[in-house]
Protein backbone atom coordinates (compact mmCIF):
# COMPACT_ATOMS: atom_id res chain seq x y z
CA MET A 1 -23.43 26.58 13.26
CA GLY A 2 -20.09 27.77 14.59
CA THR A 3 -19.40 31.40 15.50
CA LEU A 4 -16.27 33.27 14.43
CA THR A 5 -14.89 32.86 17.95
CA LEU A 6 -15.47 29.11 17.81
CA TRP A 7 -13.75 28.83 14.42
CA ILE A 8 -10.72 30.78 15.68
CA ALA A 9 -10.54 28.82 18.93
CA PHE A 10 -10.75 25.47 17.15
CA ASN A 11 -7.98 26.31 14.68
CA LEU A 12 -5.74 27.69 17.43
CA PHE A 13 -6.25 24.44 19.33
CA VAL A 14 -5.28 22.41 16.23
CA LEU A 15 -2.13 24.50 15.69
CA LEU A 16 -1.19 24.12 19.36
CA MET A 17 -1.55 20.32 19.19
CA LEU A 18 0.52 20.14 16.00
CA ALA A 19 3.24 22.33 17.54
CA LEU A 20 3.39 20.07 20.60
CA ASP A 21 3.42 16.99 18.39
CA LEU A 22 6.41 17.95 16.24
CA GLY A 23 8.16 20.46 18.49
CA VAL A 24 8.04 18.51 21.76
CA PHE A 25 7.00 14.88 21.44
CA HIS A 26 8.62 14.11 18.06
CA ARG A 27 11.38 16.68 17.86
CA LYS A 28 14.00 13.94 17.43
CA ALA A 29 13.54 11.70 14.39
CA HIS A 30 12.90 8.09 15.36
CA ALA A 31 11.00 5.06 14.13
CA ILE A 32 7.51 4.99 15.63
CA SER A 33 6.86 1.77 17.52
CA VAL A 34 3.49 0.02 17.49
CA ARG A 35 3.08 0.83 21.19
CA GLU A 36 3.72 4.55 20.63
CA ALA A 37 1.42 4.57 17.59
CA ALA A 38 -1.32 2.88 19.60
CA ALA A 39 -1.00 5.46 22.40
CA TRP A 40 -1.23 8.37 19.95
CA SER A 41 -4.15 6.74 18.10
CA ILE A 42 -6.05 6.41 21.40
CA PHE A 43 -5.20 10.04 22.22
CA TRP A 44 -6.55 11.42 18.93
CA VAL A 45 -9.67 9.25 19.01
CA ALA A 46 -10.30 10.31 22.63
CA LEU A 47 -10.02 13.98 21.63
CA SER A 48 -12.50 13.38 18.82
CA VAL A 49 -14.95 11.67 21.18
CA ILE A 50 -14.64 14.48 23.75
CA PHE A 51 -15.32 17.06 21.04
CA ASN A 52 -18.28 15.00 19.81
CA VAL A 53 -19.74 14.83 23.34
CA TRP A 54 -19.29 18.61 23.77
CA LEU A 55 -20.96 19.22 20.41
CA TRP A 56 -23.86 16.93 21.36
CA LEU A 57 -24.40 18.58 24.77
CA THR A 58 -24.04 22.12 23.41
CA TYR A 59 -25.90 21.96 20.10
CA GLY A 60 -28.08 18.88 20.41
CA ARG A 61 -28.49 15.34 19.10
CA GLY A 62 -28.62 16.29 15.39
CA PRO A 63 -25.20 17.97 15.12
CA GLY A 64 -23.73 15.33 17.43
CA LEU A 65 -24.87 12.47 15.17
CA GLU A 66 -23.79 14.36 12.05
CA PHE A 67 -20.27 14.82 13.41
CA LEU A 68 -20.02 11.19 14.52
CA THR A 69 -21.20 9.88 11.13
CA GLY A 70 -18.96 12.28 9.23
CA TYR A 71 -15.97 11.41 11.38
CA LEU A 72 -16.54 7.68 10.86
CA VAL A 73 -16.83 8.14 7.09
CA GLU A 74 -13.71 10.33 6.85
CA LYS A 75 -11.71 8.08 9.18
CA SER A 76 -12.66 5.03 7.13
CA LEU A 77 -11.81 6.65 3.82
CA SER A 78 -8.44 7.73 5.24
CA VAL A 79 -7.51 4.03 5.42
CA ASP A 80 -7.10 4.12 1.65
CA ASN A 81 -4.56 6.91 2.17
CA ILE A 82 -2.58 4.57 4.41
CA PHE A 83 -2.37 1.94 1.66
CA VAL A 84 -0.98 4.60 -0.68
CA PHE A 85 1.48 5.93 1.92
CA LEU A 86 2.83 2.39 2.21
CA VAL A 87 3.41 2.27 -1.54
CA LEU A 88 5.04 5.72 -1.59
CA PHE A 89 7.43 5.10 1.30
CA ARG A 90 8.49 1.75 -0.15
CA TYR A 91 8.94 3.25 -3.61
CA PHE A 92 11.12 6.10 -2.35
CA GLY A 93 12.91 4.02 0.30
CA VAL A 94 12.07 6.42 3.15
CA GLU A 95 13.53 5.20 6.44
CA PRO A 96 10.89 4.62 9.17
CA LYS A 97 12.38 7.28 11.45
CA TYR A 98 11.75 9.99 8.82
CA GLN A 99 8.24 8.90 7.81
CA HIS A 100 6.58 10.71 10.72
CA ARG A 101 8.11 14.04 9.63
CA VAL A 102 6.86 13.63 6.07
CA LEU A 103 3.37 12.75 7.27
CA PHE A 104 3.32 15.66 9.74
CA TRP A 105 4.03 18.31 7.12
CA GLY A 106 1.90 16.48 4.57
CA ILE A 107 -1.07 16.53 6.92
CA LEU A 108 -0.49 20.19 7.81
CA GLY A 109 -0.70 20.99 4.11
CA ALA A 110 -3.76 18.75 3.79
CA LEU A 111 -5.56 20.74 6.50
CA VAL A 112 -5.06 23.93 4.53
CA MET A 113 -6.09 22.39 1.20
CA ARG A 114 -9.13 20.65 2.64
CA GLY A 115 -10.22 23.82 4.42
CA ALA A 116 -10.13 25.66 1.09
CA MET A 117 -12.02 22.85 -0.68
CA ILE A 118 -14.68 22.72 2.04
CA GLY A 119 -15.14 26.48 1.78
CA ALA A 120 -15.51 26.21 -1.99
CA GLY A 121 -17.97 23.34 -1.57
CA VAL A 122 -20.14 25.34 0.85
CA VAL A 123 -20.26 28.30 -1.55
CA LEU A 124 -21.18 26.06 -4.48
CA ILE A 125 -23.98 24.32 -2.56
CA ARG A 126 -25.46 27.61 -1.39
CA GLN A 127 -25.32 29.13 -4.87
CA TYR A 128 -26.21 26.02 -6.85
CA GLU A 129 -28.09 23.45 -4.76
CA TRP A 130 -28.19 21.08 -7.72
CA ILE A 131 -24.43 20.54 -7.26
CA LEU A 132 -25.34 17.99 -4.56
CA TYR A 133 -26.64 15.70 -7.32
CA VAL A 134 -23.33 16.08 -9.14
CA PHE A 135 -21.53 15.15 -5.91
CA GLY A 136 -23.83 12.14 -5.49
CA ALA A 137 -23.27 10.86 -9.02
CA PHE A 138 -19.52 11.38 -8.62
CA LEU A 139 -19.49 9.34 -5.41
CA VAL A 140 -21.39 6.46 -7.01
CA TRP A 141 -18.94 6.46 -9.94
CA THR A 142 -15.97 6.67 -7.56
CA GLY A 143 -17.32 3.80 -5.47
CA PHE A 144 -17.58 1.49 -8.46
CA LYS A 145 -14.16 2.61 -9.68
CA MET A 146 -12.61 1.92 -6.25
CA MET A 147 -13.70 -1.72 -6.48
CA THR A 148 -11.04 -2.29 -9.14
CA HIS A 149 -8.51 0.15 -7.66
CA ARG A 150 -5.33 -1.31 -6.14
CA PRO A 151 -2.99 1.12 -4.33
CA GLU A 152 0.00 -1.08 -5.20
CA ASP A 153 -0.67 -0.25 -8.89
CA ILE A 154 0.13 3.42 -8.23
CA ASP A 155 3.32 4.60 -9.90
CA PRO A 156 4.59 7.79 -8.17
CA SER A 157 6.78 8.58 -11.17
CA HIS A 158 3.59 9.39 -13.11
CA ASN A 159 2.63 12.09 -10.62
CA PRO A 160 2.74 15.39 -12.61
CA VAL A 161 3.99 17.44 -9.62
CA PHE A 162 6.77 14.90 -9.02
CA ARG A 163 7.86 15.06 -12.68
CA TRP A 164 7.72 18.86 -12.66
CA ALA A 165 9.86 19.05 -9.49
CA ARG A 166 12.44 16.65 -10.94
CA ARG A 167 12.81 18.91 -13.99
CA VAL A 168 12.81 22.29 -12.23
CA LEU A 169 14.39 21.86 -8.80
CA PRO A 170 18.04 21.10 -8.05
CA ILE A 171 17.86 17.87 -6.06
CA THR A 172 20.51 16.07 -4.04
CA LYS A 173 21.36 12.53 -5.06
CA ASN A 174 20.85 11.07 -1.60
CA TYR A 175 18.68 11.74 1.45
CA GLU A 176 20.07 14.31 3.90
CA GLY A 177 18.64 13.02 7.16
CA GLN A 178 15.23 14.56 7.88
CA SER A 179 15.95 17.76 5.91
CA PHE A 180 13.76 18.84 3.01
CA PHE A 181 16.34 21.40 1.83
CA VAL A 182 20.12 21.63 2.28
CA ARG A 183 22.80 24.05 1.18
CA HIS A 184 25.54 22.62 -1.06
CA ASP A 185 28.30 24.65 -2.71
CA GLY A 186 26.59 27.92 -1.89
CA ARG A 187 23.15 27.04 -3.28
CA TRP A 188 20.01 25.58 -1.80
CA MET A 189 18.93 22.15 -3.04
CA ALA A 190 15.85 20.05 -2.39
CA THR A 191 16.34 16.54 -1.05
CA PRO A 192 14.49 13.39 -2.18
CA LEU A 193 12.49 13.68 1.07
CA PHE A 194 10.96 16.91 -0.28
CA LEU A 195 9.86 15.04 -3.40
CA VAL A 196 8.18 12.48 -1.19
CA LEU A 197 6.37 15.29 0.63
CA LEU A 198 5.13 16.74 -2.67
CA VAL A 199 3.75 13.37 -3.76
CA VAL A 200 2.07 12.85 -0.36
CA GLU A 201 0.45 16.31 -0.59
CA THR A 202 -0.86 15.84 -4.14
CA THR A 203 -2.03 12.30 -3.39
CA ASP A 204 -4.02 13.53 -0.39
CA LEU A 205 -5.53 16.25 -2.56
CA ALA A 206 -6.74 13.55 -4.96
CA PHE A 207 -8.32 11.65 -2.06
CA ALA A 208 -9.97 14.82 -0.77
CA VAL A 209 -11.83 15.08 -4.07
CA ASP A 210 -13.55 11.81 -3.09
CA SER A 211 -13.95 12.26 0.66
CA ILE A 212 -15.20 15.86 0.88
CA PRO A 213 -18.26 15.26 -1.33
CA ALA A 214 -18.95 12.24 0.90
CA ILE A 215 -19.16 14.36 4.06
CA PHE A 216 -21.50 16.79 2.30
CA GLY A 217 -23.78 13.77 1.87
CA ILE A 218 -24.03 13.65 5.68
CA THR A 219 -24.29 17.36 6.53
CA GLN A 220 -23.93 20.73 4.85
CA ASP A 221 -22.92 22.50 8.06
CA PRO A 222 -19.42 23.89 7.27
CA PHE A 223 -18.24 23.69 10.89
CA ILE A 224 -19.16 20.01 11.23
CA VAL A 225 -17.74 19.20 7.79
CA TYR A 226 -14.47 20.91 8.67
CA THR A 227 -14.03 19.59 12.21
CA SER A 228 -14.85 15.98 11.30
CA ASN A 229 -12.28 16.18 8.49
CA VAL A 230 -9.66 17.73 10.76
CA PHE A 231 -10.05 15.16 13.53
CA ALA A 232 -9.89 12.30 11.02
CA ILE A 233 -6.70 13.72 9.47
CA LEU A 234 -5.00 14.54 12.79
CA GLY A 235 -5.04 10.90 13.80
CA LEU A 236 -3.94 9.64 10.41
CA ARG A 237 -0.19 9.59 11.16
CA ALA A 238 -0.55 7.47 14.29
CA PHE A 239 -3.11 5.32 12.46
CA TYR A 240 -0.57 4.72 9.70
CA PHE A 241 2.15 3.46 12.05
CA LEU A 242 -0.38 1.35 13.95
CA LEU A 243 -2.02 -0.31 10.96
CA ALA A 244 0.58 -0.26 8.19
CA GLY A 245 1.88 -3.72 9.02
CA ILE A 246 -1.53 -5.40 9.15
CA LEU A 247 -3.56 -3.51 6.52
CA PRO A 248 -2.71 -5.98 3.71
CA TYR A 249 -4.68 -8.61 5.63
CA PHE A 250 -7.87 -6.53 5.45
CA ARG A 251 -8.42 -7.59 1.88
CA HIS A 252 -12.15 -6.78 1.78
CA LEU A 253 -11.91 -3.33 3.34
CA GLY A 254 -11.59 -1.70 -0.08
CA ALA A 255 -14.91 -3.24 -1.13
CA GLY A 256 -16.45 -1.92 2.09
CA LEU A 257 -15.21 1.60 1.43
CA SER A 258 -16.57 1.36 -2.11
CA ALA A 259 -19.97 0.38 -0.73
CA VAL A 260 -19.91 3.32 1.70
CA LEU A 261 -19.27 5.80 -1.13
CA ILE A 262 -21.99 4.24 -3.29
CA PHE A 263 -24.49 4.36 -0.39
CA ILE A 264 -23.78 8.04 0.35
CA GLY A 265 -23.91 8.91 -3.35
CA LEU A 266 -27.30 7.19 -3.77
CA LYS A 267 -28.51 8.91 -0.58
CA MET A 268 -27.63 12.30 -2.09
CA LEU A 269 -29.28 11.45 -5.42
CA GLY A 270 -32.49 10.19 -3.81
CA GLU A 271 -32.81 12.71 -0.97
CA GLN A 272 -35.71 14.49 -2.69
CA TRP A 273 -37.82 11.32 -2.73
CA LEU A 274 -36.52 9.32 0.24
CA HIS A 275 -35.01 10.99 3.31
CA ILE A 276 -32.56 8.83 5.26
CA SER A 277 -31.89 10.12 8.75
CA THR A 278 -28.40 10.63 10.10
CA GLY A 279 -28.94 7.84 12.63
CA VAL A 280 -29.85 5.36 9.90
CA SER A 281 -26.88 6.53 7.80
CA LEU A 282 -24.56 5.95 10.77
CA ALA A 283 -25.96 2.44 11.25
CA VAL A 284 -25.57 1.58 7.55
CA VAL A 285 -22.00 2.90 7.33
CA GLY A 286 -21.01 1.14 10.55
CA GLY A 287 -22.64 -2.10 9.38
CA ILE A 288 -20.86 -2.02 6.01
CA LEU A 289 -17.45 -1.43 7.56
CA THR A 290 -17.96 -4.04 10.28
CA THR A 291 -18.99 -6.62 7.68
CA ALA A 292 -15.92 -5.81 5.55
CA VAL A 293 -13.56 -6.19 8.53
CA ILE A 294 -15.15 -9.48 9.67
CA ALA A 295 -15.07 -10.88 6.12
CA SER A 296 -11.39 -9.88 5.85
CA LEU A 297 -10.51 -11.61 9.12
CA ILE A 298 -12.35 -14.77 8.10
CA SER A 299 -10.72 -14.97 4.67
CA THR A 300 -7.27 -14.19 6.12
CA ARG A 301 -7.68 -16.94 8.69
CA ALA A 302 -8.76 -19.36 5.97
CA ALA A 303 -5.78 -18.43 3.80
CA ARG A 304 -3.36 -18.94 6.70
CA LYS A 305 -4.94 -22.31 7.50
CA GLN A 306 -4.59 -23.31 3.86
CA MET A 307 -0.93 -22.28 3.86
CA ALA A 308 -0.29 -24.27 7.05
CA GLU A 309 -2.03 -27.34 5.62
CA ALA A 310 -0.08 -27.06 2.40
CA LYS A 311 3.17 -26.70 4.30
CA SER A 312 2.54 -29.71 6.56
CA SER A 313 0.74 -31.91 4.04
CA PRO A 314 2.15 -35.43 4.17
CA GLY A 315 1.61 -35.73 0.43
CA GLY A 316 3.26 -32.40 -0.21
CA GLU A 317 6.18 -33.68 -2.23
CA ILE A 318 7.36 -31.44 -5.04
CA ASN A 319 6.05 -33.77 -7.74
CA THR A 320 2.61 -33.80 -6.16
CA TRP A 321 2.51 -30.02 -6.00
CA MET A 322 3.59 -29.81 -9.62
CA GLU A 323 0.84 -32.18 -10.70
CA GLN A 324 -1.71 -30.21 -8.72
CA LEU A 325 -0.71 -26.95 -10.45
CA ALA A 326 -2.12 -28.43 -13.66
CA SER A 327 -5.34 -29.62 -11.98
CA PRO A 328 -8.66 -28.42 -13.45
CA ASP A 329 -9.84 -27.71 -9.88
CA ASP A 330 -9.17 -24.14 -8.69
CA ALA A 331 -8.89 -25.07 -5.01
CA THR A 332 -6.34 -27.80 -5.75
CA ARG A 333 -4.23 -25.43 -7.83
CA GLN A 334 -4.46 -22.80 -5.07
CA GLN A 335 -3.22 -25.24 -2.42
CA ALA A 336 -0.31 -26.36 -4.60
CA ALA A 337 0.67 -22.78 -5.48
CA THR A 338 0.52 -21.79 -1.81
CA ALA A 339 2.70 -24.74 -0.75
CA LEU A 340 5.33 -23.92 -3.36
CA TYR A 341 5.27 -20.23 -2.47
CA VAL A 342 5.68 -20.90 1.25
CA ALA A 343 8.58 -23.26 0.58
CA GLY A 344 10.28 -20.80 -1.76
CA CYS A 345 9.85 -17.79 0.54
CA GLU A 346 11.27 -19.68 3.50
CA LEU A 347 14.25 -20.72 1.41
CA GLY A 348 14.83 -17.21 0.06
CA ASP A 349 14.29 -15.40 3.36
CA ALA A 350 16.75 -17.73 5.08
CA ALA A 351 19.33 -16.81 2.43
CA VAL A 352 18.85 -13.02 2.41
CA GLY A 353 17.69 -12.46 6.00
CA SER A 354 21.07 -11.11 7.06
CA TRP A 355 20.97 -8.53 4.26
CA HIS A 356 18.05 -6.76 5.91
CA ALA A 357 20.14 -6.03 8.99
CA HIS A 358 21.78 -3.28 6.92
CA ALA A 359 19.33 -0.37 6.65
CA ASP A 360 20.70 0.88 3.33
CA ILE A 361 20.20 -2.56 1.73
CA ALA A 362 16.82 -3.15 3.36
CA ALA A 363 15.58 0.23 2.10
CA LEU A 364 16.12 -0.90 -1.49
CA PHE A 365 13.86 -3.92 -1.13
CA HIS A 366 10.14 -3.38 -1.65
CA GLY A 367 7.18 -5.55 -2.42
CA ALA A 368 6.55 -9.27 -2.04
CA PRO A 369 9.01 -11.82 -3.43
CA THR A 370 8.18 -14.03 -6.38
CA VAL A 371 9.17 -17.70 -6.35
CA GLY A 372 10.52 -19.12 -9.60
CA VAL A 373 9.48 -22.75 -10.13
CA ALA A 374 11.20 -24.79 -12.86
CA VAL A 375 9.21 -27.54 -14.59
CA GLN A 376 9.66 -29.75 -17.62
CA PRO A 377 8.26 -28.39 -20.92
CA GLN A 378 5.31 -30.81 -20.91
CA ARG A 379 4.32 -29.78 -17.40
CA PHE A 380 4.81 -26.13 -18.35
CA ALA A 381 2.28 -26.49 -21.17
CA ALA A 382 -0.20 -28.36 -18.96
CA ILE A 383 -0.08 -25.76 -16.16
CA ARG A 384 -0.42 -22.90 -18.62
CA ALA A 385 -3.43 -24.54 -20.28
CA ALA A 386 -5.10 -25.18 -16.90
CA ILE A 387 -5.04 -21.49 -15.93
CA GLY A 388 -6.19 -20.11 -19.27
CA SER A 389 -2.97 -19.70 -21.27
CA PRO A 390 -1.58 -16.48 -19.72
CA ARG A 391 0.86 -14.32 -21.68
CA LEU A 392 4.40 -15.62 -21.98
CA ALA A 393 7.05 -13.21 -20.75
CA ASP A 394 9.37 -11.63 -23.30
CA VAL A 395 12.63 -13.41 -22.45
CA PRO A 396 15.90 -12.33 -24.15
CA PRO A 397 16.80 -14.79 -26.95
CA ASP A 398 20.13 -15.74 -25.38
CA GLN A 399 18.52 -16.95 -22.15
CA ASP A 400 17.40 -20.53 -21.65
CA ALA A 401 13.89 -19.88 -20.40
CA GLN A 402 10.22 -19.60 -21.12
CA GLU A 403 8.06 -18.26 -18.33
CA PHE A 404 4.71 -16.89 -17.28
CA GLU A 405 3.32 -15.47 -14.04
CA LEU A 406 0.93 -17.37 -11.80
CA HIS A 407 -0.67 -15.29 -9.03
CA MET A 408 -3.20 -17.10 -6.84
CA GLY A 409 -4.19 -15.44 -3.57
CA GLU A 410 -0.99 -14.58 -1.71
CA ALA A 411 1.10 -16.91 -3.87
CA ARG A 412 3.25 -15.24 -6.54
CA LEU A 413 4.99 -17.70 -8.83
CA ASP A 414 7.00 -17.54 -12.05
CA ILE A 415 6.58 -20.84 -13.87
CA LEU A 416 9.80 -21.53 -15.81
CA THR A 417 10.94 -24.13 -18.28
CA THR A 418 13.90 -24.72 -20.57
CA LYS A 419 13.95 -23.91 -24.26
CA ASP A 420 16.50 -26.67 -24.82
CA PRO A 421 15.89 -29.84 -22.75
CA GLY A 422 19.18 -31.57 -22.06
CA GLY A 423 21.11 -28.48 -23.15
CA GLY A 424 23.58 -26.34 -21.26
CA GLY A 425 21.22 -23.53 -20.22
CA ALA A 426 20.60 -22.60 -16.59
CA ILE A 427 17.07 -24.03 -16.42
CA ALA A 428 18.04 -27.20 -18.27
CA ARG A 429 20.96 -27.80 -15.88
CA PHE A 430 18.75 -27.21 -12.86
CA LEU A 431 16.12 -29.66 -14.09
CA ASP A 432 18.76 -32.25 -14.88
CA LYS A 433 20.48 -31.93 -11.51
CA MET A 434 17.67 -31.06 -9.09
CA GLY A 435 14.48 -32.04 -10.86
CA GLU A 436 11.35 -29.90 -10.87
CA GLY A 437 11.01 -27.47 -7.99
CA VAL A 438 11.92 -24.03 -6.65
CA GLN A 439 14.67 -22.76 -8.93
CA GLN A 440 15.04 -19.17 -7.67
CA VAL A 441 13.52 -16.51 -5.43
CA GLU A 442 13.07 -13.07 -6.95
CA TYR A 443 13.14 -9.90 -4.85
CA PRO A 444 12.12 -6.53 -6.32
CA VAL A 445 14.56 -3.69 -5.59
CA ARG A 446 14.53 -0.01 -6.52
CA ASP A 447 18.10 0.19 -7.78
CA VAL A 448 19.55 -3.16 -8.84
CA ASP A 449 23.03 -1.71 -9.49
CA ARG A 450 23.27 -0.24 -5.98
CA ALA A 451 21.77 -3.35 -4.37
CA THR A 452 24.26 -5.57 -6.24
CA SER A 453 27.16 -3.37 -5.20
CA LEU A 454 26.12 -3.24 -1.53
CA VAL A 455 25.56 -7.00 -1.26
CA ALA A 456 28.95 -7.71 -2.85
CA GLU A 457 30.68 -5.14 -0.62
CA ARG A 458 29.03 -6.05 2.70
CA PHE A 459 28.83 -9.84 2.34
CA GLY A 460 31.55 -10.70 -0.16
CA VAL A 461 29.03 -12.48 -2.39
CA LYS A 462 29.88 -11.96 -6.03
CA PRO A 463 27.02 -11.51 -8.47
CA ILE A 464 26.70 -14.02 -11.27
CA TYR A 465 26.94 -11.24 -13.86
CA PRO A 466 29.56 -8.46 -13.56
CA ALA A 467 26.91 -5.98 -14.68
CA THR A 468 23.12 -6.00 -14.57
CA ARG A 469 21.44 -7.38 -17.67
CA PRO A 470 17.97 -7.48 -19.19
CA GLY A 471 15.66 -10.15 -17.84
CA ALA A 472 12.07 -11.07 -18.66
CA ASP A 473 10.05 -8.22 -20.18
CA GLY A 474 13.15 -6.00 -20.21
CA ALA A 475 13.51 -5.65 -16.44
CA ARG A 476 17.10 -5.14 -15.25
CA VAL A 477 18.30 -8.07 -13.14
CA ASN A 478 21.26 -9.72 -11.47
CA PHE A 479 21.67 -12.99 -9.61
CA PHE A 480 23.50 -14.35 -6.56
CA PHE A 481 24.14 -17.87 -5.32
CA VAL A 482 23.67 -17.51 -1.56
CA SER A 483 24.23 -20.11 1.13
CA ALA A 484 21.22 -20.56 3.36
CA PRO A 485 21.44 -22.13 6.84
CA GLY A 486 22.08 -25.83 6.39
CA GLY A 487 24.49 -25.22 3.55
CA ARG A 488 21.99 -25.26 0.70
CA LYS A 489 22.75 -22.82 -2.10
CA THR A 490 19.86 -20.65 -3.22
CA LEU A 491 19.62 -18.61 -6.42
CA ILE A 492 18.49 -15.10 -5.55
CA GLU A 493 17.36 -12.78 -8.32
CA LEU A 494 17.30 -9.02 -7.77
CA ILE A 495 14.98 -7.33 -10.23
CA GLU A 496 14.62 -3.59 -10.63
CA SER A 497 11.03 -2.60 -10.08
CA ARG A 498 10.07 1.04 -9.55
């Protein structure tokens, strides 16, 4: 399906829309608001629906259903791209007003790469029909692998193209607005924004290796495969700005996407013995994704209710929460951990909230905070035993601390104790003066030296150490005593985490 004229007309239309997008509507760099993102998302989805209706009326029910199913699959799989874009932009500290430009050029490159991959896939299938079974097996394997995949585990510094560019290209130290290249001292230099673009391009290529075999499980018509991919990608930028803030709450969506890939892979493997119509495939894919979204909303609501109950619990004194952390009951430990995490985050955010008003400081922060809870050595041992004796962190010998991580649901805690009860170390002094409780709030930053310097310069708050020093497991850290509203001093730890 799809004549040469239709192929040319469709691609000219896509180029025209992209030119209007960047050259007219987004010519000036600015942060995309949720309202603007919603409007653009509706626009791109409406275009896709109009094209689908035209396809249905012109070529019949079969191609219309194939496009709709393929579009739904590709659109759903693109959500995983959004998770990764979040990680990349936080890692590189890209300001919101420049993110649209990176995504625009990244998606333009993705259209070219995916077009080439689709063409190669069509040739392979026509020459070697058995390649569909390879695609099917690959999708089943990818689906199971995705169940344990967490986008936040991605380390962009391991990207081979990124490492190659850092070695080969002259790169400016700082961002230069929205420019990918600038001229300094008579020579052209790439900016860090260009490195971000390279990582976005290569990351999308990796995702295309998963998603393109999936669409071939729906249809082998090259025009439908291409157009469904293009429409899904064109709306990805607006989708990112619309959903980026709420995606972490869809905790079961990854499992749903895994199930979709496994279903399509099994469909391809079993096609010879059991034919599943496009209509049934559409119903199964839609049912899986709907179930994943509903399950995510239910579990998120339950988690929020649990946090609210923990926060307002009349028996929620610190000692009670500490005792509950060592409980043999998982639910009791979860409630205690949540209560302590909420209390610590509120304390820390009140102390550092003004820092985020400065864009250059805010850009250095990334990731969720960790609340450090100090307990007596006996309690430390009891809590550690109750959760299965997790690994102790490697703490420098000169520091008065033992610690391990406790992650339960949304709660991220460092459980700390003193090596020398009654001694002069920081943890021992805290326990002696304040008793067990929230001892510090730890915020991950990309460059702890720069963050320390900016906080001291902008707010006149001196760091505890004149220079950053090794913390647990060798991470570079520094600390501040910051006054929160109400006059309470809070220990804030900045830890370098790339």
